[in-house]
């Protein structure tokens, strides 16, 4: 990908693939399908909101920052999604914007910073820049897979 440092190419590709996968899997879901919880599993809507929030939080830690009050509000809102039920388009727009910000951050991450120590969360768990960037990408891939599976189930298996 143009402008992405060589060592971060796999993470950037994983984020782009997660975006493409999610857009295809979630396309045209009805409101009821978006928020259905088959067998008690998390809804596609939850996974979409969590994709944006968690990616943003992990990349914030990669920049060496603490979460803002707004990010804590977004985290709390993830727990209230069943009640608020944001639209599919707003969730997809949020995910698209998160991926773009992530790609911008990755493109502007100097190779010399990749092993810089970082901490995660209130417990200040140890990590580093490259670890957090890759964790954000693999975490996105995991939720993209859950979206594909759940979307197929709520559609009755009529679409991959």
Foldseek 3Di string as FASTA:
>chain_A
DPLFDPVCVVLLVLLVVLLVLLCQLVPPDDLCQQCDQVVNHGGVVLLLLCLLLVLVQLLCQLVQHHDDPVSVVSVVVSVVCNPVSDDPVVSSVSSVVSSVVLRVSSSPDDPVQFAPWTAHDPVRHIDGNVRSSNVSSVSSNVSSVVSNVSSCVSVVNPGD
